[in-house]
Protein backbone atom coordinates (compact mmCIF):
# COMPACT_ATOMS: atom_id res chain seq x y z
CA MET A 1 12.35 5.20 -1.61
CA GLU A 2 13.52 8.85 -1.81
CA GLU A 3 13.43 8.61 -5.39
CA LEU A 4 10.27 7.00 -5.72
CA ARG A 5 8.76 9.82 -3.81
CA LYS A 6 10.17 12.56 -5.95
CA GLN A 7 9.43 10.81 -9.25
CA LEU A 8 5.94 10.81 -8.09
CA ALA A 9 5.96 14.30 -6.95
CA GLY A 10 7.60 15.19 -10.45
CA LEU A 11 4.82 13.05 -12.35
CA ILE A 12 1.80 14.72 -10.23
CA ASN A 13 3.27 18.55 -10.38
CA SER A 14 3.75 17.91 -14.42
CA ALA A 15 0.11 16.59 -14.91
CA ASN A 16 -2.17 19.06 -16.57
CA LEU A 17 -5.18 18.27 -14.01
CA PRO A 18 -6.61 20.50 -11.57
CA PHE A 19 -5.22 20.14 -7.83
CA GLU A 20 -8.45 18.66 -6.76
CA ALA A 21 -8.14 15.76 -9.50
CA LYS A 22 -4.37 15.52 -8.39
CA PHE A 23 -5.60 14.93 -4.74
CA TYR A 24 -8.21 12.67 -5.43
CA VAL A 25 -5.98 10.47 -7.75
CA LEU A 26 -3.38 10.25 -4.96
CA LYS A 27 -6.48 9.29 -2.27
CA ASP A 28 -7.30 6.58 -4.44
CA VAL A 29 -3.90 5.16 -5.16
CA PHE A 30 -3.00 5.59 -1.23
CA ARG A 31 -6.36 3.65 -0.43
CA GLU A 32 -5.49 0.61 -2.88
CA VAL A 33 -1.84 0.52 -1.51
CA SER A 34 -3.08 0.56 2.02
CA ASP A 35 -5.99 -2.26 1.27
CA LEU A 36 -2.61 -4.14 -0.22
CA TYR A 37 -0.72 -3.63 2.63
CA ASN A 38 -3.55 -4.34 5.02
CA ASN A 39 -4.05 -7.95 3.22
CA LEU A 40 -0.43 -8.94 3.27
CA LEU A 41 -0.33 -8.52 7.08
CA LYS A 42 -3.73 -10.13 7.48
CA GLU A 43 -2.31 -13.18 5.21
CA GLU A 44 1.28 -13.01 7.52
CA GLN A 45 -0.80 -13.07 10.86
CA LYS A 46 -2.92 -16.42 8.84
CA GLN A 47 0.33 -17.50 8.25
CA GLU A 48 2.15 -17.28 11.69
CA THR A 49 -1.35 -18.81 13.34
CA LYS A 50 -0.67 -22.07 11.33
CA GLU A 51 2.54 -22.37 12.25
CA GLU A 52 1.97 -21.87 15.66
CA VAL A 53 -0.86 -24.18 15.75
CA LYS A 54 1.61 -26.92 13.82
CA ASP A 55 4.27 -26.33 16.25
CA GLU A 56 1.42 -27.00 19.06
CA ALA A 57 0.51 -30.31 17.74
CA GLU A 58 3.81 -31.94 17.41
C-alpha cells in the first residue's frame, strides 16, 4: 500500500499541471473509489441479509 501511495505521489508531482488541476483530479479519483467502496459494502450487506433470511427459513 505504501508503494502505491509513493507511486501516486510521484506521478502527481511529475505531472505538468497546475496545483489546482492536480487537486481536482485527485478529488475525482477519490470520489470514484469512494463510490465503488460504498457500492461494495452495500452488496455485501445485501448478501449477508439474504443469507440470514435463508438461515431463518431453514
